[in-house]
Amino acid sequence: MAILDVLSFPDERLRTVAKPVEEVNDEIKQLVSDMFETMKDENGIGLAATQVNRHVQVVVMDVSEDQNEPRVFINPEITRKDGSTTKMAVPLAKKVAFRFQVITRKWNALKRLLLKR
């Protein structure tokens, strides 16, 4: 496992559109493992591949209190947004982000047992 360099705003590489993952191969499994290691090193709860300059649709997170429920989202997609929106302040951002009350989403999950943890 390796600690990856994390990009910081306003790095233009963060605007790169990530490509879908075509196949969950050894390279993607290694990326996921490295992303978890990096996320923990940064004391984070989530990390997108774009944040480590890998522009594929992979997100890792663990929002559990004990950091023992890792989740992997491959090719995540919001399929529906419902309810009223509220503005979300993003420091130094040029655009306003909106939060919906309800969203429907889908993704492919990489099972925990595939992770070298």
PDB file of N, CA and C in Angstrom:
ATOM      1  N   MET A   1       0.845  -1.182   0.000  1.00  0.00           N
ATOM      2  CA  MET A   1       0.000   0.000   0.000  1.00  0.00           C
ATOM      3  C   MET A   1       0.886   1.239   0.000  1.00  0.00           C
ATOM      4  N   ALA A   2       0.333   2.313  -0.520  1.00  0.00           N
ATOM      5  CA  ALA A   2       1.104   3.549  -0.625  1.00  0.00           C
ATOM      6  C   ALA A   2       0.240   4.740  -0.243  1.00  0.00           C
ATOM      7  N   ILE A   3       0.886   5.739   0.325  1.00  0.00           N
ATOM      8  CA  ILE A   3       0.224   7.017   0.590  1.00  0.00           C
ATOM      9  C   ILE A   3       0.349   7.843  -0.686  1.00  0.00           C
ATOM     10  N   LEU A   4      -0.775   8.286  -1.212  1.00  0.00           N
ATOM     11  CA  LEU A   4      -0.798   9.063  -2.447  1.00  0.00           C
ATOM     12  C   LEU A   4      -0.814  10.556  -2.136  1.00  0.00           C
ATOM     13  N   ASP A   5      -0.309  11.363  -3.055  1.00  0.00           N
ATOM     14  CA  ASP A   5      -0.372  12.819  -2.908  1.00  0.00           C
ATOM     15  C   ASP A   5      -1.804  13.276  -3.153  1.00  0.00           C
ATOM     16  N   VAL A   6      -2.312  14.123  -2.261  1.00  0.00           N
ATOM     17  CA  VAL A   6      -3.686  14.622  -2.376  1.00  0.00           C
ATOM     18  C   VAL A   6      -3.646  16.033  -2.962  1.00  0.00           C
ATOM     19  N   LEU A   7      -4.414  16.253  -4.013  1.00  0.00           N
ATOM     20  CA  LEU A   7      -4.497  17.575  -4.640  1.00  0.00           C
ATOM     21  C   LEU A   7      -5.337  18.503  -3.773  1.00  0.00           C
ATOM     22  N   SER A   8      -5.012  19.762  -3.787  1.00  0.00           N
ATOM     23  CA  SER A   8      -5.749  20.762  -3.011  1.00  0.00           C
ATOM     24  C   SER A   8      -6.347  21.806  -3.933  1.00  0.00           C
ATOM     25  N   PHE A   9      -7.516  22.298  -3.568  1.00  0.00           N
ATOM     26  CA  PHE A   9      -8.158  23.403  -4.273  1.00  0.00           C
ATOM     27  C   PHE A   9      -7.234  24.610  -4.210  1.00  0.00           C
ATOM     28  N   PRO A  10      -6.998  25.322  -5.263  1.00  0.00           N
ATOM     29  CA  PRO A  10      -7.687  25.358  -6.556  1.00  0.00           C
ATOM     30  C   PRO A  10      -6.966  24.614  -7.682  1.00  0.00           C
ATOM     31  N   ASP A  11      -6.270  23.548  -7.408  1.00  0.00           N
ATOM     32  CA  ASP A  11      -5.555  22.787  -8.435  1.00  0.00           C
ATOM     33  C   ASP A  11      -6.502  22.440  -9.587  1.00  0.00           C
ATOM     34  N   GLU A  12      -6.136  22.830 -10.786  1.00  0.00           N
ATOM     35  CA  GLU A  12      -6.996  22.634 -11.966  1.00  0.00           C
ATOM     36  C   GLU A  12      -7.246  21.158 -12.270  1.00  0.00           C
ATOM     37  N   ARG A  13      -6.355  20.273 -11.838  1.00  0.00           N
ATOM     38  CA  ARG A  13      -6.557  18.845 -12.096  1.00  0.00           C
ATOM     39  C   ARG A  13      -7.808  18.318 -11.402  1.00  0.00           C
ATOM     40  N   LEU A  14      -8.278  19.020 -10.364  1.00  0.00           N
ATOM     41  CA  LEU A  14      -9.505  18.616  -9.680  1.00  0.00           C
ATOM     42  C   LEU A  14     -10.735  18.802 -10.563  1.00  0.00           C
ATOM     43  N   ARG A  15     -10.609  19.557 -11.634  1.00  0.00           N
ATOM     44  CA  ARG A  15     -11.727  19.779 -12.564  1.00  0.00           C
ATOM     45  C   ARG A  15     -11.793  18.716 -13.659  1.00  0.00           C
ATOM     46  N   THR A  16     -10.832  17.824 -13.700  1.00  0.00           N
ATOM     47  CA  THR A  16     -10.804  16.782 -14.725  1.00  0.00           C
ATOM     48  C   THR A  16     -11.990  15.839 -14.534  1.00  0.00           C
ATOM     49  N   VAL A  17     -12.691  15.566 -15.605  1.00  0.00           N
ATOM     50  CA  VAL A  17     -13.840  14.665 -15.547  1.00  0.00           C
ATOM     51  C   VAL A  17     -13.317  13.231 -15.484  1.00  0.00           C
ATOM     52  N   ALA A  18     -13.728  12.506 -14.464  1.00  0.00           N
ATOM     53  CA  ALA A  18     -13.284  11.120 -14.280  1.00  0.00           C
ATOM     54  C   ALA A  18     -13.988  10.199 -15.264  1.00  0.00           C
ATOM     55  N   LYS A  19     -13.271   9.192 -15.713  1.00  0.00           N
ATOM     56  CA  LYS A  19     -13.827   8.221 -16.649  1.00  0.00           C
ATOM     57  C   LYS A  19     -14.389   7.016 -15.887  1.00  0.00           C
ATOM     58  N   PRO A  20     -15.417   6.384 -16.439  1.00  0.00           N
ATOM     59  CA  PRO A  20     -15.965   5.184 -15.790  1.00  0.00           C
ATOM     60  C   PRO A  20     -14.914   4.071 -15.732  1.00  0.00           C
ATOM     61  N   VAL A  21     -15.031   3.256 -14.719  1.00  0.00           N
ATOM     62  CA  VAL A  21     -14.182   2.078 -14.595  1.00  0.00           C
ATOM     63  C   VAL A  21     -14.782   0.995 -15.476  1.00  0.00           C
ATOM     64  N   GLU A  22     -13.998   0.475 -16.397  1.00  0.00           N
ATOM     65  CA  GLU A  22     -14.474  -0.560 -17.318  1.00  0.00           C
ATOM     66  C   GLU A  22     -14.408  -1.947 -16.685  1.00  0.00           C
ATOM     67  N   GLU A  23     -13.360  -2.170 -15.863  1.00  0.00           N
ATOM     68  CA  GLU A  23     -13.147  -3.483 -15.265  1.00  0.00           C
ATOM     69  C   GLU A  23     -12.467  -3.311 -13.916  1.00  0.00           C
ATOM     70  N   VAL A  24     -12.931  -4.055 -12.927  1.00  0.00           N
ATOM     71  CA  VAL A  24     -12.286  -4.019 -11.612  1.00  0.00           C
ATOM     72  C   VAL A  24     -11.138  -5.032 -11.660  1.00  0.00           C
ATOM     73  N   ASN A  25      -9.968  -4.515 -12.040  1.00  0.00           N
ATOM     74  CA  ASN A  25      -8.786  -5.349 -12.179  1.00  0.00           C
ATOM     75  C   ASN A  25      -7.818  -5.086 -11.018  1.00  0.00           C
ATOM     76  N   ASP A  26      -6.648  -5.664 -11.080  1.00  0.00           N
ATOM     77  CA  ASP A  26      -5.668  -5.500 -10.001  1.00  0.00           C
ATOM     78  C   ASP A  26      -5.258  -4.039  -9.814  1.00  0.00           C
ATOM     79  N   GLU A  27      -5.194  -3.294 -10.908  1.00  0.00           N
ATOM     80  CA  GLU A  27      -4.825  -1.873 -10.824  1.00  0.00           C
ATOM     81  C   GLU A  27      -5.868  -1.087 -10.023  1.00  0.00           C
ATOM     82  N   ILE A  28      -7.141  -1.342 -10.272  1.00  0.00           N
ATOM     83  CA  ILE A  28      -8.215  -0.648  -9.539  1.00  0.00           C
ATOM     84  C   ILE A  28      -8.209  -1.093  -8.084  1.00  0.00           C
ATOM     85  N   LYS A  29      -8.020  -2.386  -7.836  1.00  0.00           N
ATOM     86  CA  LYS A  29      -7.968  -2.870  -6.449  1.00  0.00           C
ATOM     87  C   LYS A  29      -6.819  -2.224  -5.686  1.00  0.00           C
ATOM     88  N   GLN A  30      -5.670  -2.065  -6.340  1.00  0.00           N
ATOM     89  CA  GLN A  30      -4.527  -1.416  -5.692  1.00  0.00           C
ATOM     90  C   GLN A  30      -4.830   0.053  -5.434  1.00  0.00           C
ATOM     91  N   LEU A  31      -5.462   0.721  -6.403  1.00  0.00           N
ATOM     92  CA  LEU A  31      -5.844   2.115  -6.219  1.00  0.00           C
ATOM     93  C   LEU A  31      -6.762   2.266  -5.013  1.00  0.00           C
ATOM     94  N   VAL A  32      -7.757   1.396  -4.900  1.00  0.00           N
ATOM     95  CA  VAL A  32      -8.691   1.444  -3.768  1.00  0.00           C
ATOM     96  C   VAL A  32      -7.934   1.271  -2.457  1.00  0.00           C
ATOM     97  N   SER A  33      -7.053   0.308  -2.404  1.00  0.00           N
ATOM     98  CA  SER A  33      -6.264   0.068  -1.199  1.00  0.00           C
ATOM     99  C   SER A  33      -5.411   1.289  -0.845  1.00  0.00           C
ATOM    100  N   ASP A  34      -4.757   1.866  -1.842  1.00  0.00           N
ATOM    101  CA  ASP A  34      -3.930   3.061  -1.618  1.00  0.00           C
ATOM    102  C   ASP A  34      -4.775   4.260  -1.197  1.00  0.00           C
ATOM    103  N   MET A  35      -5.977   4.365  -1.762  1.00  0.00           N
ATOM    104  CA  MET A  35      -6.860   5.475  -1.392  1.00  0.00           C
ATOM    105  C   MET A  35      -7.299   5.365   0.060  1.00  0.00           C
ATOM    106  N   PHE A  36      -7.612   4.149   0.531  1.00  0.00           N
ATOM    107  CA  PHE A  36      -7.965   3.989   1.944  1.00  0.00           C
ATOM    108  C   PHE A  36      -6.787   4.361   2.840  1.00  0.00           C
ATOM    109  N   GLU A  37      -5.611   3.927   2.472  1.00  0.00           N
ATOM    110  CA  GLU A  37      -4.412   4.252   3.251  1.00  0.00           C
ATOM    111  C   GLU A  37      -4.196   5.763   3.295  1.00  0.00           C
ATOM    112  N   THR A  38      -4.368   6.422   2.156  1.00  0.00           N
ATOM    113  CA  THR A  38      -4.209   7.874   2.062  1.00  0.00           C
ATOM    114  C   THR A  38      -5.279   8.591   2.877  1.00  0.00           C
ATOM    115  N   MET A  39      -6.534   8.135   2.769  1.00  0.00           N
ATOM    116  CA  MET A  39      -7.639   8.745   3.498  1.00  0.00           C
ATOM    117  C   MET A  39      -7.377   8.692   5.005  1.00  0.00           C
ATOM    118  N   LYS A  40      -6.936   7.546   5.486  1.00  0.00           N
ATOM    119  CA  LYS A  40      -6.650   7.411   6.923  1.00  0.00           C
ATOM    120  C   LYS A  40      -5.480   8.293   7.328  1.00  0.00           C
ATOM    121  N   ASP A  41      -4.459   8.378   6.479  1.00  0.00           N
ATOM    122  CA  ASP A  41      -3.301   9.229   6.762  1.00  0.00           C
ATOM    123  C   ASP A  41      -3.699  10.702   6.852  1.00  0.00           C
ATOM    124  N   GLU A  42      -4.704  11.084   6.081  1.00  0.00           N
ATOM    125  CA  GLU A  42      -5.189  12.471   6.053  1.00  0.00           C
ATOM    126  C   GLU A  42      -6.281  12.706   7.103  1.00  0.00           C
ATOM    127  N   ASN A  43      -6.614  11.678   7.893  1.00  0.00           N
ATOM    128  CA  ASN A  43      -7.687  11.756   8.881  1.00  0.00           C
ATOM    129  C   ASN A  43      -9.022  12.127   8.225  1.00  0.00           C
ATOM    130  N   GLY A  44      -9.265  11.561   7.051  1.00  0.00           N
ATOM    131  CA  GLY A  44     -10.484  11.859   6.317  1.00  0.00           C
ATOM    132  C   GLY A  44     -11.524  10.772   6.476  1.00  0.00           C
ATOM    133  N   ILE A  45     -12.702  11.050   5.912  1.00  0.00           N
ATOM    134  CA  ILE A  45     -13.782  10.063   5.924  1.00  0.00           C
ATOM    135  C   ILE A  45     -14.174   9.657   4.505  1.00  0.00           C
ATOM    136  N   GLY A  46     -13.616  10.327   3.509  1.00  0.00           N
ATOM    137  CA  GLY A  46     -13.924   9.995   2.129  1.00  0.00           C
ATOM    138  C   GLY A  46     -12.886  10.580   1.193  1.00  0.00           C
ATOM    139  N   LEU A  47     -12.733   9.930   0.042  1.00  0.00           N
ATOM    140  CA  LEU A  47     -11.740  10.371  -0.928  1.00  0.00           C
ATOM    141  C   LEU A  47     -12.161   9.903  -2.317  1.00  0.00           C
ATOM    142  N   ALA A  48     -12.112  10.808  -3.279  1.00  0.00           N
ATOM    143  CA  ALA A  48     -12.383  10.464  -4.672  1.00  0.00           C
ATOM    144  C   ALA A  48     -11.060  10.299  -5.404  1.00  0.00           C
ATOM    145  N   ALA A  49     -11.045   9.413  -6.379  1.00  0.00           N
ATOM    146  CA  ALA A  49      -9.810   9.149  -7.117  1.00  0.00           C
ATOM    147  C   ALA A  49      -9.241  10.423  -7.747  1.00  0.00           C
ATOM    148  N   THR A  50     -10.097  11.315  -8.196  1.00  0.00           N
ATOM    149  CA  THR A  50      -9.621  12.566  -8.791  1.00  0.00           C
ATOM    150  C   THR A  50      -8.778  13.366  -7.801  1.00  0.00           C
ATOM    151  N   GLN A  51      -9.090  13.257  -6.513  1.00  0.00           N
ATOM    152  CA  GLN A  51      -8.327  13.989  -5.497  1.00  0.00           C
ATOM    153  C   GLN A  51      -6.892  13.479  -5.372  1.00  0.00           C
ATOM    154  N   VAL A  52      -6.623  12.276  -5.877  1.00  0.00           N
ATOM    155  CA  VAL A  52      -5.259  11.748  -5.859  1.00  0.00           C
ATOM    156  C   VAL A  52      -4.729  11.636  -7.293  1.00  0.00           C
ATOM    157  N   ASN A  53      -5.284  12.465  -8.160  1.00  0.00           N
ATOM    158  CA  ASN A  53      -4.840  12.606  -9.550  1.00  0.00           C
ATOM    159  C   ASN A  53      -4.970  11.321 -10.361  1.00  0.00           C
ATOM    160  N   ARG A  54      -5.976  10.532 -10.040  1.00  0.00           N
ATOM    161  CA  ARG A  54      -6.337   9.353 -10.828  1.00  0.00           C
ATOM    162  C   ARG A  54      -7.765   9.622 -11.288  1.00  0.00           C
ATOM    163  N   HIS A  55      -7.962   9.774 -12.549  1.00  0.00           N
ATOM    164  CA  HIS A  55      -9.234  10.291 -13.050  1.00  0.00           C
ATOM    165  C   HIS A  55     -10.159   9.185 -13.533  1.00  0.00           C
ATOM    166  N   VAL A  56     -10.514   8.319 -12.562  1.00  0.00           N
ATOM    167  CA  VAL A  56     -11.496   7.257 -12.774  1.00  0.00           C
ATOM    168  C   VAL A  56     -12.572   7.413 -11.710  1.00  0.00           C
ATOM    169  N   GLN A  57     -13.756   6.879 -11.978  1.00  0.00           N
ATOM    170  CA  GLN A  57     -14.897   7.056 -11.082  1.00  0.00           C
ATOM    171  C   GLN A  57     -14.844   6.051  -9.929  1.00  0.00           C
ATOM    172  N   VAL A  58     -14.014   6.372  -8.951  1.00  0.00           N
ATOM    173  CA  VAL A  58     -13.855   5.558  -7.750  1.00  0.00           C
ATOM    174  C   VAL A  58     -13.897   6.488  -6.545  1.00  0.00           C
ATOM    175  N   VAL A  59     -14.698   6.120  -5.545  1.00  0.00           N
ATOM    176  CA  VAL A  59     -14.790   6.869  -4.299  1.00  0.00           C
ATOM    177  C   VAL A  59     -14.677   5.872  -3.155  1.00  0.00           C
ATOM    178  N   VAL A  60     -13.881   6.219  -2.147  1.00  0.00           N
ATOM    179  CA  VAL A  60     -13.815   5.397  -0.935  1.00  0.00           C
ATOM    180  C   VAL A  60     -14.283   6.249   0.234  1.00  0.00           C
ATOM    181  N   MET A  61     -14.906   5.608   1.212  1.00  0.00           N
ATOM    182  CA  MET A  61     -15.290   6.346   2.415  1.00  0.00           C
ATOM    183  C   MET A  61     -15.512   5.392   3.570  1.00  0.00           C
ATOM    184  N   ASP A  62     -15.385   5.962   4.750  1.00  0.00           N
ATOM    185  CA  ASP A  62     -15.718   5.242   5.976  1.00  0.00           C
ATOM    186  C   ASP A  62     -16.190   6.290   6.965  1.00  0.00           C
ATOM    187  N   VAL A  63     -17.503   6.381   7.122  1.00  0.00           N
ATOM    188  CA  VAL A  63     -18.082   7.390   8.007  1.00  0.00           C
ATOM    189  C   VAL A  63     -18.424   6.822   9.370  1.00  0.00           C
ATOM    190  N   SER A  64     -18.034   5.566   9.606  1.00  0.00           N
ATOM    191  CA  SER A  64     -18.318   4.953  10.906  1.00  0.00           C
ATOM    192  C   SER A  64     -17.435   5.577  11.983  1.00  0.00           C
ATOM    193  N   GLU A  65     -17.943   5.600  13.182  1.00  0.00           N
ATOM    194  CA  GLU A  65     -17.226   6.223  14.292  1.00  0.00           C
ATOM    195  C   GLU A  65     -15.873   5.567  14.544  1.00  0.00           C
ATOM    196  N   ASP A  66     -15.810   4.252  14.408  1.00  0.00           N
ATOM    197  CA  ASP A  66     -14.566   3.523  14.664  1.00  0.00           C
ATOM    198  C   ASP A  66     -13.730   3.300  13.410  1.00  0.00           C
ATOM    199  N   GLN A  67     -14.151   3.878  12.289  1.00  0.00           N
ATOM    200  CA  GLN A  67     -13.446   3.716  11.017  1.00  0.00           C
ATOM    201  C   GLN A  67     -13.224   2.234  10.688  1.00  0.00           C
ATOM    202  N   ASN A  68     -14.281   1.443  10.831  1.00  0.00           N
ATOM    203  CA  ASN A  68     -14.171   0.014  10.562  1.00  0.00           C
ATOM    204  C   ASN A  68     -15.255  -0.495   9.596  1.00  0.00           C
ATOM    205  N   GLU A  69     -15.856   0.434   8.834  1.00  0.00           N
ATOM    206  CA  GLU A  69     -16.877   0.061   7.851  1.00  0.00           C
ATOM    207  C   GLU A  69     -16.550   0.697   6.499  1.00  0.00           C
ATOM    208  N   PRO A  70     -15.443   0.285   5.880  1.00  0.00           N
ATOM    209  CA  PRO A  70     -15.045   0.899   4.608  1.00  0.00           C
ATOM    210  C   PRO A  70     -16.050   0.610   3.498  1.00  0.00           C
ATOM    211  N   ARG A  71     -16.262   1.596   2.662  1.00  0.00           N
ATOM    212  CA  ARG A  71     -17.177   1.462   1.530  1.00  0.00           C
ATOM    213  C   ARG A  71     -16.437   1.930   0.269  1.00  0.00           C
ATOM    214  N   VAL A  72     -16.671   1.219  -0.816  1.00  0.00           N
ATOM    215  CA  VAL A  72     -16.074   1.554  -2.104  1.00  0.00           C
ATOM    216  C   VAL A  72     -17.207   1.748  -3.100  1.00  0.00           C
ATOM    217  N   PHE A  73     -17.180   2.856  -3.821  1.00  0.00           N
ATOM    218  CA  PHE A  73     -18.187   3.159  -4.827  1.00  0.00           C
ATOM    219  C   PHE A  73     -17.488   3.276  -6.180  1.00  0.00           C
ATOM    220  N   ILE A  74     -17.865   2.421  -7.102  1.00  0.00           N
ATOM    221  CA  ILE A  74     -17.281   2.430  -8.435  1.00  0.00           C
ATOM    222  C   ILE A  74     -18.361   2.866  -9.413  1.00  0.00           C
ATOM    223  N   ASN A  75     -18.039   3.859 -10.221  1.00  0.00           N
ATOM    224  CA  ASN A  75     -18.986   4.441 -11.182  1.00  0.00           C
ATOM    225  C   ASN A  75     -20.260   4.932 -10.499  1.00  0.00           C
ATOM    226  N   PRO A  76     -20.138   5.701  -9.405  1.00  0.00           N
ATOM    227  CA  PRO A  76     -21.351   6.197  -8.740  1.00  0.00           C
ATOM    228  C   PRO A  76     -22.117   7.157  -9.646  1.00  0.00           C
ATOM    229  N   GLU A  77     -23.420   7.153  -9.482  1.00  0.00           N
ATOM    230  CA  GLU A  77     -24.260   7.964 -10.350  1.00  0.00           C
ATOM    231  C   GLU A  77     -25.519   8.383  -9.594  1.00  0.00           C
ATOM    232  N   ILE A  78     -25.838   9.669  -9.631  1.00  0.00           N
ATOM    233  CA  ILE A  78     -27.095  10.145  -9.065  1.00  0.00           C
ATOM    234  C   ILE A  78     -28.150   9.954 -10.138  1.00  0.00           C
ATOM    235  N   THR A  79     -29.180   9.172  -9.813  1.00  0.00           N
ATOM    236  CA  THR A  79     -30.197   8.858 -10.809  1.00  0.00           C
ATOM    237  C   THR A  79     -31.452   9.707 -10.666  1.00  0.00           C
ATOM    238  N   ARG A  80     -31.639  10.319  -9.501  1.00  0.00           N
ATOM    239  CA  ARG A  80     -32.812  11.163  -9.286  1.00  0.00           C
ATOM    240  C   ARG A  80     -32.560  12.111  -8.136  1.00  0.00           C
ATOM    241  N   LYS A  81     -33.064  13.345  -8.255  1.00  0.00           N
ATOM    242  CA  LYS A  81     -32.957  14.343  -7.198  1.00  0.00           C
ATOM    243  C   LYS A  81     -34.350  14.856  -6.886  1.00  0.00           C
ATOM    244  N   ASP A  82     -34.732  14.834  -5.618  1.00  0.00           N
ATOM    245  CA  ASP A  82     -36.067  15.258  -5.222  1.00  0.00           C
ATOM    246  C   ASP A  82     -36.001  16.275  -4.088  1.00  0.00           C
ATOM    247  N   GLY A  83     -37.064  17.010  -3.955  1.00  0.00           N
ATOM    248  CA  GLY A  83     -37.195  17.924  -2.828  1.00  0.00           C
ATOM    249  C   GLY A  83     -36.582  19.273  -3.112  1.00  0.00           C
ATOM    250  N   SER A  84     -36.760  20.142  -2.161  1.00  0.00           N
ATOM    251  CA  SER A  84     -36.220  21.482  -2.311  1.00  0.00           C
ATOM    252  C   SER A  84     -34.710  21.445  -2.141  1.00  0.00           C
ATOM    253  N   THR A  85     -34.084  22.453  -2.647  1.00  0.00           N
ATOM    254  CA  THR A  85     -32.636  22.530  -2.554  1.00  0.00           C
ATOM    255  C   THR A  85     -32.239  23.623  -1.578  1.00  0.00           C
ATOM    256  N   THR A  86     -31.095  23.473  -1.019  1.00  0.00           N
ATOM    257  CA  THR A  86     -30.516  24.527  -0.199  1.00  0.00           C
ATOM    258  C   THR A  86     -29.135  24.811  -0.734  1.00  0.00           C
ATOM    259  N   LYS A  87     -28.706  26.043  -0.621  1.00  0.00           N
ATOM    260  CA  LYS A  87     -27.370  26.402  -1.083  1.00  0.00           C
ATOM    261  C   LYS A  87     -26.346  25.930  -0.072  1.00  0.00           C
ATOM    262  N   MET A  88     -25.223  25.501  -0.583  1.00  0.00           N
ATOM    263  CA  MET A  88     -24.135  25.051   0.266  1.00  0.00           C
ATOM    264  C   MET A  88     -22.945  25.964   0.000  1.00  0.00           C
ATOM    265  N   ALA A  89     -22.442  26.588   1.028  1.00  0.00           N
ATOM    266  CA  ALA A  89     -21.313  27.489   0.865  1.00  0.00           C
ATOM    267  C   ALA A  89     -20.030  26.685   0.697  1.00  0.00           C
ATOM    268  N   VAL A  90     -19.288  27.018  -0.333  1.00  0.00           N
ATOM    269  CA  VAL A  90     -17.997  26.384  -0.580  1.00  0.00           C
ATOM    270  C   VAL A  90     -16.962  27.502  -0.627  1.00  0.00           C
ATOM    271  N   PRO A  91     -16.093  27.580   0.384  1.00  0.00           N
ATOM    272  CA  PRO A  91     -15.112  28.664   0.416  1.00  0.00           C
ATOM    273  C   PRO A  91     -14.277  28.715  -0.857  1.00  0.00           C
ATOM    274  N   LEU A  92     -14.055  29.901  -1.363  1.00  0.00           N
ATOM    275  CA  LEU A  92     -13.228  30.174  -2.534  1.00  0.00           C
ATOM    276  C   LEU A  92     -13.772  29.614  -3.839  1.00  0.00           C
ATOM    277  N   ALA A  93     -14.933  29.006  -3.815  1.00  0.00           N
ATOM    278  CA  ALA A  93     -15.494  28.432  -5.040  1.00  0.00           C
ATOM    279  C   ALA A  93     -16.182  29.507  -5.855  1.00  0.00           C
ATOM    280  N   LYS A  94     -16.134  29.370  -7.162  1.00  0.00           N
ATOM    281  CA  LYS A  94     -16.774  30.327  -8.050  1.00  0.00           C
ATOM    282  C   LYS A  94     -18.231  29.989  -8.303  1.00  0.00           C
ATOM    283  N   LYS A  95     -18.617  28.755  -8.021  1.00  0.00           N
ATOM    284  CA  LYS A  95     -19.988  28.321  -8.262  1.00  0.00           C
ATOM    285  C   LYS A  95     -20.640  27.949  -6.941  1.00  0.00           C
ATOM    286  N   VAL A  96     -21.958  27.999  -6.925  1.00  0.00           N
ATOM    287  CA  VAL A  96     -22.720  27.619  -5.744  1.00  0.00           C
ATOM    288  C   VAL A  96     -23.143  26.165  -5.896  1.00  0.00           C
ATOM    289  N   ALA A  97     -22.992  25.401  -4.849  1.00  0.00           N
ATOM    290  CA  ALA A  97     -23.428  24.004  -4.860  1.00  0.00           C
ATOM    291  C   ALA A  97     -24.793  23.916  -4.201  1.00  0.00           C
ATOM    292  N   PHE A  98     -25.611  22.984  -4.645  1.00  0.00           N
ATOM    293  CA  PHE A  98     -26.939  22.797  -4.078  1.00  0.00           C
ATOM    294  C   PHE A  98     -27.039  21.425  -3.436  1.00  0.00           C
ATOM    295  N   ARG A  99     -27.804  21.346  -2.361  1.00  0.00           N
ATOM    296  CA  ARG A  99     -28.055  20.081  -1.681  1.00  0.00           C
ATOM    297  C   ARG A  99     -29.537  19.774  -1.797  1.00  0.00           C
ATOM    298  N   PHE A 100     -29.864  18.571  -2.241  1.00  0.00           N
ATOM    299  CA  PHE A 100     -31.247  18.135  -2.360  1.00  0.00           C
ATOM    300  C   PHE A 100     -31.654  17.388  -1.098  1.00  0.00           C
ATOM    301  N   GLN A 101     -32.943  17.392  -0.788  1.00  0.00           N
ATOM    302  CA  GLN A 101     -33.427  16.668   0.381  1.00  0.00           C
ATOM    303  C   GLN A 101     -33.308  15.166   0.195  1.00  0.00           C
ATOM    304  N   VAL A 102     -33.578  14.695  -1.018  1.00  0.00           N
ATOM    305  CA  VAL A 102     -33.544  13.264  -1.302  1.00  0.00           C
ATOM    306  C   VAL A 102     -32.841  13.053  -2.641  1.00  0.00           C
ATOM    307  N   ILE A 103     -31.926  12.095  -2.684  1.00  0.00           N
ATOM    308  CA  ILE A 103     -31.340  11.700  -3.959  1.00  0.00           C
ATOM    309  C   ILE A 103     -31.409  10.179  -4.062  1.00  0.00           C
ATOM    310  N   THR A 104     -31.494   9.703  -5.277  1.00  0.00           N
ATOM    311  CA  THR A 104     -31.424   8.272  -5.542  1.00  0.00           C
ATOM    312  C   THR A 104     -30.127   8.061  -6.293  1.00  0.00           C
ATOM    313  N   ARG A 105     -29.387   7.028  -5.900  1.00  0.00           N
ATOM    314  CA  ARG A 105     -28.095   6.820  -6.521  1.00  0.00           C
ATOM    315  C   ARG A 105     -27.855   5.342  -6.750  1.00  0.00           C
ATOM    316  N   LYS A 106     -26.888   5.066  -7.608  1.00  0.00           N
ATOM    317  CA  LYS A 106     -26.496   3.683  -7.828  1.00  0.00           C
ATOM    318  C   LYS A 106     -24.986   3.648  -8.054  1.00  0.00           C
ATOM    319  N   TRP A 107     -24.403   2.465  -7.827  1.00  0.00           N
ATOM    320  CA  TRP A 107     -22.967   2.280  -8.001  1.00  0.00           C
ATOM    321  C   TRP A 107     -22.673   0.795  -7.997  1.00  0.00           C
ATOM    322  N   ASN A 108     -21.467   0.480  -8.367  1.00  0.00           N
ATOM    323  CA  ASN A 108     -20.963  -0.881  -8.230  1.00  0.00           C
ATOM    324  C   ASN A 108     -20.081  -0.884  -6.992  1.00  0.00           C
ATOM    325  N   ALA A 109     -20.245  -1.868  -6.147  1.00  0.00           N
ATOM    326  CA  ALA A 109     -19.467  -1.929  -4.911  1.00  0.00           C
ATOM    327  C   ALA A 109     -18.372  -2.968  -5.032  1.00  0.00           C
ATOM    328  N   LEU A 110     -17.218  -2.636  -4.507  1.00  0.00           N
ATOM    329  CA  LEU A 110     -16.118  -3.580  -4.424  1.00  0.00           C
ATOM    330  C   LEU A 110     -16.166  -4.189  -3.040  1.00  0.00           C
ATOM    331  N   LYS A 111     -16.294  -5.485  -2.954  1.00  0.00           N
ATOM    332  CA  LYS A 111     -16.452  -6.135  -1.648  1.00  0.00           C
ATOM    333  C   LYS A 111     -15.220  -5.943  -0.787  1.00  0.00           C
ATOM    334  N   ARG A 112     -15.436  -5.785   0.505  1.00  0.00           N
ATOM    335  CA  ARG A 112     -14.349  -5.556   1.454  1.00  0.00           C
ATOM    336  C   ARG A 112     -13.291  -6.645   1.382  1.00  0.00           C
ATOM    337  N   LEU A 113     -13.701  -7.859   1.101  1.00  0.00           N
ATOM    338  CA  LEU A 113     -12.724  -8.933   1.107  1.00  0.00           C
ATOM    339  C   LEU A 113     -11.698  -8.794  -0.008  1.00  0.00           C
ATOM    340  N   LEU A 114     -11.975  -7.985  -0.991  1.00  0.00           N
ATOM    341  CA  LEU A 114     -11.012  -7.758  -2.069  1.00  0.00           C
ATOM    342  C   LEU A 114      -9.893  -6.810  -1.637  1.00  0.00           C
ATOM    343  N   LEU A 115     -10.113  -6.091  -0.561  1.00  0.00           N
ATOM    344  CA  LEU A 115      -9.132  -5.110  -0.108  1.00  0.00           C
ATOM    345  C   LEU A 115      -8.029  -5.782   0.681  1.00  0.00           C
ATOM    346  N   LYS A 116      -6.822  -5.347   0.441  1.00  0.00           N
ATOM    347  CA  LYS A 116      -5.688  -5.847   1.222  1.00  0.00           C
ATOM    348  C   LYS A 116      -5.551  -4.926   2.428  1.00  0.00           C
ATOM    349  N   ARG A 117      -6.248  -5.252   3.518  1.00  0.00           N
ATOM    350  CA  ARG A 117      -6.275  -4.363   4.670  1.00  0.00           C
ATOM    351  C   ARG A 117      -5.820  -5.094   5.885  1.00  0.00           C
TER     352      ARG A 117
END
